C-alpha atoms as a PDB file:
ATOM      1  CA  MET A   1       0.004  -0.023   0.060  1.00  0.00           C
ATOM      2  CA  PHE A   2       1.220   3.504  -1.035  1.00  0.00           C
ATOM      3  CA  SER A   3      -0.473   6.553   0.581  1.00  0.00           C
ATOM      4  CA  ALA A   4      -0.294  10.312   1.132  1.00  0.00           C
ATOM      5  CA  THR A   5      -2.076  12.060   3.876  1.00  0.00           C
ATOM      6  CA  ASP A   6      -2.799  15.875   4.116  1.00  0.00           C
ATOM      7  CA  LEU A   7       0.086  16.792   1.804  1.00  0.00           C
ATOM      8  CA  ALA A   8       0.892  20.406   1.337  1.00  0.00           C
ATOM      9  CA  CYS A   9       3.489  22.119  -0.784  1.00  0.00           C
ATOM     10  CA  SER A  10       4.240  25.732  -1.714  1.00  0.00           C
ATOM     11  CA  ARG A  11       6.433  27.579  -4.026  1.00  0.00           C
ATOM     12  CA  GLY A  12       7.460  30.855  -2.536  1.00  0.00           C
ATOM     13  CA  GLU A  13       4.288  32.649  -1.358  1.00  0.00           C
ATOM     14  CA  ARG A  14       1.995  30.441  -3.518  1.00  0.00           C
ATOM     15  CA  THR A  15       0.423  27.237  -2.127  1.00  0.00           C
ATOM     16  CA  LEU A  16       0.410  24.615  -4.816  1.00  0.00           C
ATOM     17  CA  PHE A  17      -1.716  22.090  -3.010  1.00  0.00           C
ATOM     18  CA  ALA A  18      -2.838  21.350   0.474  1.00  0.00           C
ATOM     19  CA  GLY A  19      -4.768  18.690   2.375  1.00  0.00           C
ATOM     20  CA  LEU A  20      -4.147  16.161  -0.565  1.00  0.00           C
ATOM     21  CA  SER A  21      -4.645  12.524   0.302  1.00  0.00           C
ATOM     22  CA  PHE A  22      -4.918   9.297  -1.632  1.00  0.00           C
ATOM     23  CA  ALA A  23      -4.183   5.636  -1.253  1.00  0.00           C
ATOM     24  CA  LEU A  24      -3.069   2.921  -3.823  1.00  0.00           C
ATOM     25  CA  ALA A  25      -3.336  -0.734  -3.415  1.00  0.00           C
ATOM     26  CA  PRO A  26      -1.790  -3.512  -5.514  1.00  0.00           C
ATOM     27  CA  GLY A  27      -3.452  -3.179  -9.055  1.00  0.00           C
ATOM     28  CA  ASP A  28      -4.374   0.506  -8.547  1.00  0.00           C
ATOM     29  CA  TRP A  29      -3.485   3.455 -10.475  1.00  0.00           C
ATOM     30  CA  LEU A  30      -4.102   7.206 -10.227  1.00  0.00           C
ATOM     31  CA  GLN A  31      -3.724   9.935 -12.790  1.00  0.00           C
ATOM     32  CA  VAL A  32      -2.757  13.464 -11.527  1.00  0.00           C
ATOM     33  CA  THR A  33      -4.300  16.151 -13.447  1.00  0.00           C
ATOM     34  CA  GLY A  34      -3.909  19.969 -13.550  1.00  0.00           C
ATOM     35  CA  ALA A  35      -2.857  22.861 -15.688  1.00  0.00           C
ATOM     36  CA  ASN A  36       0.788  23.676 -16.371  1.00  0.00           C
ATOM     37  CA  GLY A  37       2.192  24.969 -13.163  1.00  0.00           C
ATOM     38  CA  ALA A  38      -0.409  23.574 -11.023  1.00  0.00           C
ATOM     39  CA  GLY A  39       2.216  21.619  -9.049  1.00  0.00           C
ATOM     40  CA  LYS A  40       2.133  18.126 -10.705  1.00  0.00           C
ATOM     41  CA  THR A  41       5.840  17.745 -10.969  1.00  0.00           C
ATOM     42  CA  THR A  42       6.321  18.992  -7.473  1.00  0.00           C
ATOM     43  CA  LEU A  43       3.800  16.533  -6.204  1.00  0.00           C
ATOM     44  CA  MET A  44       5.476  13.534  -7.908  1.00  0.00           C
ATOM     45  CA  ARG A  45       8.980  14.638  -6.783  1.00  0.00           C
ATOM     46  CA  THR A  46       7.641  14.937  -3.144  1.00  0.00           C
ATOM     47  CA  LEU A  47       6.076  11.479  -3.277  1.00  0.00           C
ATOM     48  CA  VAL A  48       9.395   9.860  -4.075  1.00  0.00           C
ATOM     49  CA  GLY A  49      11.371  12.053  -1.601  1.00  0.00           C
ATOM     50  CA  LEU A  50      13.196  14.390  -4.083  1.00  0.00           C
ATOM     51  CA  SER A  51      11.341  17.354  -2.639  1.00  0.00           C
ATOM     52  CA  GLN A  52      10.165  18.284   0.878  1.00  0.00           C
ATOM     53  CA  ALA A  53       6.456  18.685   1.652  1.00  0.00           C
ATOM     54  CA  ASP A  54       5.412  21.441   3.809  1.00  0.00           C
ATOM     55  CA  ALA A  55       2.997  19.307   5.757  1.00  0.00           C
ATOM     56  CA  GLY A  56       1.621  15.735   5.597  1.00  0.00           C
ATOM     57  CA  GLN A  57       3.091  12.345   5.338  1.00  0.00           C
ATOM     58  CA  VAL A  58       3.789   9.719   2.597  1.00  0.00           C
ATOM     59  CA  THR A  59       3.642   6.032   3.696  1.00  0.00           C
ATOM     60  CA  TRP A  60       4.666   2.683   2.141  1.00  0.00           C
ATOM     61  CA  ASN A  61       3.136  -0.299   3.722  1.00  0.00           C
ATOM     62  CA  GLY A  62       1.932   1.616   6.600  1.00  0.00           C
ATOM     63  CA  ARG A  63       5.303   3.174   7.592  1.00  0.00           C
ATOM     64  CA  ALA A  64       6.624   6.636   6.751  1.00  0.00           C
ATOM     65  CA  VAL A  65       8.932   6.410   3.816  1.00  0.00           C
ATOM     66  CA  GLN A  66      11.530   8.367   5.616  1.00  0.00           C
ATOM     67  CA  GLU A  67      11.825   5.363   8.116  1.00  0.00           C
ATOM     68  CA  GLN A  68      12.693   3.022   5.326  1.00  0.00           C
ATOM     69  CA  ALA A  69      14.185   5.044   2.560  1.00  0.00           C
ATOM     70  CA  ASP A  70      16.172   2.186   1.085  1.00  0.00           C
ATOM     71  CA  ALA A  71      13.345  -0.210   0.988  1.00  0.00           C
ATOM     72  CA  PHE A  72      11.169   2.358  -0.658  1.00  0.00           C
ATOM     73  CA  ARG A  73      13.706   3.399  -3.092  1.00  0.00           C
ATOM     74  CA  ARG A  74      14.043  -0.199  -4.232  1.00  0.00           C
ATOM     75  CA  ALA A  75      10.411  -0.573  -4.580  1.00  0.00           C
ATOM     76  CA  THR A  76       9.954   2.426  -6.595  1.00  0.00           C
ATOM     77  CA  LEU A  77      10.824   3.475 -10.202  1.00  0.00           C
ATOM     78  CA  TYR A  78      10.445   7.245 -10.824  1.00  0.00           C
ATOM     79  CA  LEU A  79      10.665   8.642 -14.399  1.00  0.00           C
ATOM     80  CA  GLY A  80      10.625  12.431 -14.591  1.00  0.00           C
ATOM     81  CA  HIS A  81       9.122  14.751 -17.217  1.00  0.00           C
ATOM     82  CA  HIS A  82      12.369  15.344 -18.878  1.00  0.00           C
ATOM     83  CA  ALA A  83      14.254  12.459 -20.698  1.00  0.00           C
ATOM     84  CA  ALA A  84      17.053  12.079 -18.164  1.00  0.00           C
ATOM     85  CA  VAL A  85      19.568  10.517 -20.479  1.00  0.00           C
ATOM     86  CA  LYS A  86      23.127  11.558 -21.102  1.00  0.00           C
ATOM     87  CA  GLU A  87      23.627  12.923 -24.616  1.00  0.00           C
ATOM     88  CA  GLU A  88      27.265  11.711 -24.734  1.00  0.00           C
ATOM     89  CA  LEU A  89      26.336   8.006 -24.030  1.00  0.00           C
ATOM     90  CA  ASN A  90      24.468   5.599 -26.278  1.00  0.00           C
ATOM     91  CA  PRO A  91      21.149   4.048 -25.230  1.00  0.00           C
ATOM     92  CA  ILE A  92      22.756   0.890 -24.096  1.00  0.00           C
ATOM     93  CA  GLU A  93      25.220   2.811 -21.830  1.00  0.00           C
ATOM     94  CA  ASN A  94      22.449   5.075 -20.517  1.00  0.00           C
ATOM     95  CA  LEU A  95      20.275   2.230 -19.423  1.00  0.00           C
ATOM     96  CA  GLN A  96      23.104   0.197 -17.869  1.00  0.00           C
ATOM     97  CA  LEU A  97      24.360   3.246 -16.052  1.00  0.00           C
ATOM     98  CA  SER A  98      20.875   4.071 -14.549  1.00  0.00           C
ATOM     99  CA  CYS A  99      20.156   0.424 -13.599  1.00  0.00           C
ATOM    100  CA  ALA A 100      23.626   0.147 -11.936  1.00  0.00           C
ATOM    101  CA  LEU A 101      23.019   3.351  -9.965  1.00  0.00           C
ATOM    102  CA  ASP A 102      19.744   1.856  -8.766  1.00  0.00           C
ATOM    103  CA  GLY A 103      21.563  -1.335  -7.644  1.00  0.00           C
ATOM    104  CA  GLU A 104      20.022  -3.466 -10.394  1.00  0.00           C
ATOM    105  CA  PRO A 105      22.809  -4.090 -12.962  1.00  0.00           C
ATOM    106  CA  VAL A 106      21.577  -5.617 -16.404  1.00  0.00           C
ATOM    107  CA  ALA A 107      23.406  -7.352 -19.056  1.00  0.00           C
ATOM    108  CA  GLU A 108      23.664  -5.920 -22.587  1.00  0.00           C
ATOM    109  CA  PRO A 109      21.356  -8.561 -24.152  1.00  0.00           C
ATOM    110  CA  GLN A 110      18.621  -7.510 -21.735  1.00  0.00           C
ATOM    111  CA  VAL A 111      18.975  -4.058 -22.655  1.00  0.00           C
ATOM    112  CA  ARG A 112      18.955  -4.689 -26.335  1.00  0.00           C
ATOM    113  CA  THR A 113      15.695  -6.620 -25.819  1.00  0.00           C
ATOM    114  CA  ALA A 114      14.088  -3.765 -24.011  1.00  0.00           C
ATOM    115  CA  LEU A 115      15.339  -1.328 -26.684  1.00  0.00           C
ATOM    116  CA  GLN A 116      13.751  -3.540 -29.450  1.00  0.00           C
ATOM    117  CA  THR A 117      10.458  -3.838 -27.564  1.00  0.00           C
ATOM    118  CA  LEU A 118      10.432   0.055 -27.442  1.00  0.00           C
ATOM    119  CA  GLY A 119      10.949   0.283 -31.127  1.00  0.00           C
ATOM    120  CA  LEU A 120      14.658   1.203 -30.915  1.00  0.00           C
ATOM    121  CA  ALA A 121      16.152  -2.043 -32.508  1.00  0.00           C
ATOM    122  CA  GLY A 122      19.465  -1.167 -34.237  1.00  0.00           C
ATOM    123  CA  ARG A 123      19.937   2.141 -32.226  1.00  0.00           C
ATOM    124  CA  GLY A 124      21.509   0.837 -29.066  1.00  0.00           C
ATOM    125  CA  ARG A 125      25.004   2.030 -30.054  1.00  0.00           C
ATOM    126  CA  LEU A 126      23.950   5.302 -31.789  1.00  0.00           C
ATOM    127  CA  PRO A 127      25.101   8.359 -29.516  1.00  0.00           C
ATOM    128  CA  THR A 128      21.897   9.512 -27.755  1.00  0.00           C
ATOM    129  CA  ARG A 129      22.339  13.074 -29.091  1.00  0.00           C
ATOM    130  CA  HIS A 130      21.419  11.918 -32.544  1.00  0.00           C
ATOM    131  CA  LEU A 131      18.036  10.501 -31.313  1.00  0.00           C
ATOM    132  CA  SER A 132      14.816  12.366 -31.637  1.00  0.00           C
ATOM    133  CA  ALA A 133      12.885  13.639 -28.665  1.00  0.00           C
ATOM    134  CA  GLY A 134      10.449  10.678 -28.879  1.00  0.00           C
ATOM    135  CA  GLN A 135      13.280   8.161 -29.282  1.00  0.00           C
ATOM    136  CA  LYS A 136      15.093   9.669 -26.163  1.00  0.00           C
ATOM    137  CA  ARG A 137      11.795   9.239 -24.360  1.00  0.00           C
ATOM    138  CA  ARG A 138      11.595   5.624 -25.309  1.00  0.00           C
ATOM    139  CA  VAL A 139      15.133   5.057 -24.009  1.00  0.00           C
ATOM    140  CA  LEU A 140      14.068   6.358 -20.593  1.00  0.00           C
ATOM    141  CA  LEU A 141      10.842   4.319 -20.815  1.00  0.00           C
ATOM    142  CA  ALA A 142      12.873   1.165 -21.449  1.00  0.00           C
ATOM    143  CA  ARG A 143      13.678   1.140 -17.664  1.00  0.00           C
ATOM    144  CA  LEU A 144      10.180  -0.048 -17.091  1.00  0.00           C
ATOM    145  CA  LEU A 145      11.232  -3.399 -18.583  1.00  0.00           C
ATOM    146  CA  LEU A 146      14.631  -3.509 -16.836  1.00  0.00           C
ATOM    147  CA  ARG A 147      14.201  -2.117 -13.321  1.00  0.00           C
ATOM    148  CA  PRO A 148      11.845  -4.273 -11.100  1.00  0.00           C
ATOM    149  CA  ALA A 149       9.667  -1.985  -8.979  1.00  0.00           C
ATOM    150  CA  ARG A 150       6.220  -2.325  -7.300  1.00  0.00           C
ATOM    151  CA  LEU A 151       5.354   1.257  -7.600  1.00  0.00           C
ATOM    152  CA  TRP A 152       5.767   3.215 -10.869  1.00  0.00           C
ATOM    153  CA  VAL A 153       5.695   7.071 -10.491  1.00  0.00           C
ATOM    154  CA  LEU A 154       5.717   8.494 -14.104  1.00  0.00           C
ATOM    155  CA  ASP A 155       5.630  12.269 -14.775  1.00  0.00           C
ATOM    156  CA  GLU A 156       4.216  12.760 -18.402  1.00  0.00           C
ATOM    157  CA  PRO A 157       5.268   9.309 -19.658  1.00  0.00           C
ATOM    158  CA  PHE A 158       3.510   9.876 -23.122  1.00  0.00           C
ATOM    159  CA  ALA A 159       5.287  13.057 -23.769  1.00  0.00           C
ATOM    160  CA  ALA A 160       6.756  13.165 -27.323  1.00  0.00           C
ATOM    161  CA  LEU A 161       5.453   9.628 -28.052  1.00  0.00           C
ATOM    162  CA  ASP A 162       3.628   8.656 -31.172  1.00  0.00           C
ATOM    163  CA  THR A 163       0.326   6.828 -31.150  1.00  0.00           C
ATOM    164  CA  ALA A 164       1.950   3.407 -31.391  1.00  0.00           C
ATOM    165  CA  ALA A 165       4.379   4.066 -28.459  1.00  0.00           C
ATOM    166  CA  VAL A 166       1.476   5.525 -26.268  1.00  0.00           C
ATOM    167  CA  GLU A 167      -0.474   2.206 -26.902  1.00  0.00           C
ATOM    168  CA  LEU A 168       2.607   0.108 -26.024  1.00  0.00           C
ATOM    169  CA  ILE A 169       3.162   2.176 -22.775  1.00  0.00           C
ATOM    170  CA  GLY A 170      -0.513   1.434 -21.935  1.00  0.00           C
ATOM    171  CA  LEU A 171      -0.079  -2.328 -22.417  1.00  0.00           C
ATOM    172  CA  LEU A 172       3.172  -2.204 -20.270  1.00  0.00           C
ATOM    173  CA  LEU A 173       1.068  -0.306 -17.536  1.00  0.00           C
ATOM    174  CA  ALA A 174      -1.808  -2.897 -17.717  1.00  0.00           C
ATOM    175  CA  ALA A 175       0.548  -5.769 -17.371  1.00  0.00           C
ATOM    176  CA  HIS A 176       2.232  -4.012 -14.375  1.00  0.00           C
ATOM    177  CA  LEU A 177      -1.103  -3.562 -12.648  1.00  0.00           C
ATOM    178  CA  GLN A 178      -2.254  -7.012 -13.361  1.00  0.00           C
ATOM    179  CA  GLY A 179       1.029  -8.462 -11.636  1.00  0.00           C
ATOM    180  CA  GLY A 180       0.016  -6.538  -8.509  1.00  0.00           C
ATOM    181  CA  GLY A 181       1.946  -3.308  -9.219  1.00  0.00           C
ATOM    182  CA  MET A 182       0.878   0.251  -8.680  1.00  0.00           C
ATOM    183  CA  ALA A 183       1.140   3.365 -10.824  1.00  0.00           C
ATOM    184  CA  LEU A 184       0.895   7.030 -10.334  1.00  0.00           C
ATOM    185  CA  LEU A 185       1.183   9.226 -13.334  1.00  0.00           C
ATOM    186  CA  THR A 186       0.626  12.666 -14.904  1.00  0.00           C
ATOM    187  CA  SER A 187      -0.580  13.131 -18.382  1.00  0.00           C
ATOM    188  CA  HIS A 188      -2.075  15.794 -20.530  1.00  0.00           C
ATOM    189  CA  GLN A 189      -3.207  12.913 -22.940  1.00  0.00           C
ATOM    190  CA  PRO A 190      -5.824  10.398 -22.429  1.00  0.00           C
ATOM    191  CA  VAL A 191      -4.331   7.391 -20.598  1.00  0.00           C
ATOM    192  CA  PRO A 192      -5.003   4.067 -22.479  1.00  0.00           C
ATOM    193  CA  LEU A 193      -5.846   2.251 -19.349  1.00  0.00           C
ATOM    194  CA  ALA A 194      -9.364   1.053 -17.790  1.00  0.00           C
ATOM    195  CA  GLY A 195     -10.311   2.199 -14.393  1.00  0.00           C
ATOM    196  CA  GLY A 196      -8.017   4.248 -12.237  1.00  0.00           C
ATOM    197  CA  GLY A 197      -8.630   7.208 -10.082  1.00  0.00           C
ATOM    198  CA  VAL A 198      -7.931  10.931 -10.463  1.00  0.00           C
ATOM    199  CA  VAL A 199      -6.055  13.508  -8.249  1.00  0.00           C
ATOM    200  CA  ALA A 200      -6.949  17.041  -9.555  1.00  0.00           C
ATOM    201  CA  LEU A 201      -4.552  19.863  -8.517  1.00  0.00           C
END
């Protein structure tokens, strides 16, 4: 179970959100909605411990995440709004580096398979700077296939993707949920998933 209770965050003098509460059980997903600047990215970063809340608590399996930071980090995969890939590395190097930093090293054949699934066959050794925005996004999203995690926290996962890629990520999300995973995501686009709840900012 993943939950937030009475969360509040501000930016300078402006309150972004306050009194925000929700809970996710295995198989559940939530979409965070709101206009640009409403605080969606701040909320996502706060939930995974990258930003500090002004008030409230985030819990994992009934305990504050601060009390079990390592366990929560291992159980969570956070993908930010921007494609966090190093331009000077190729996709294989980027993915092996990010997985190693997460304590989940992966072999090159696994990475190649993940890239192929995301429509990047033959581009594994191409410098990332030569990829389009959508292709860089696919490199980042390949981590969904490589990094085991119960909770996916995805900030605009469909940004810069074409229709086929959006449908593929929807299928990956559905499989994750059917396996008992949980997902929290922001998106300005329709989410190709049944059910789910909404957190409006």
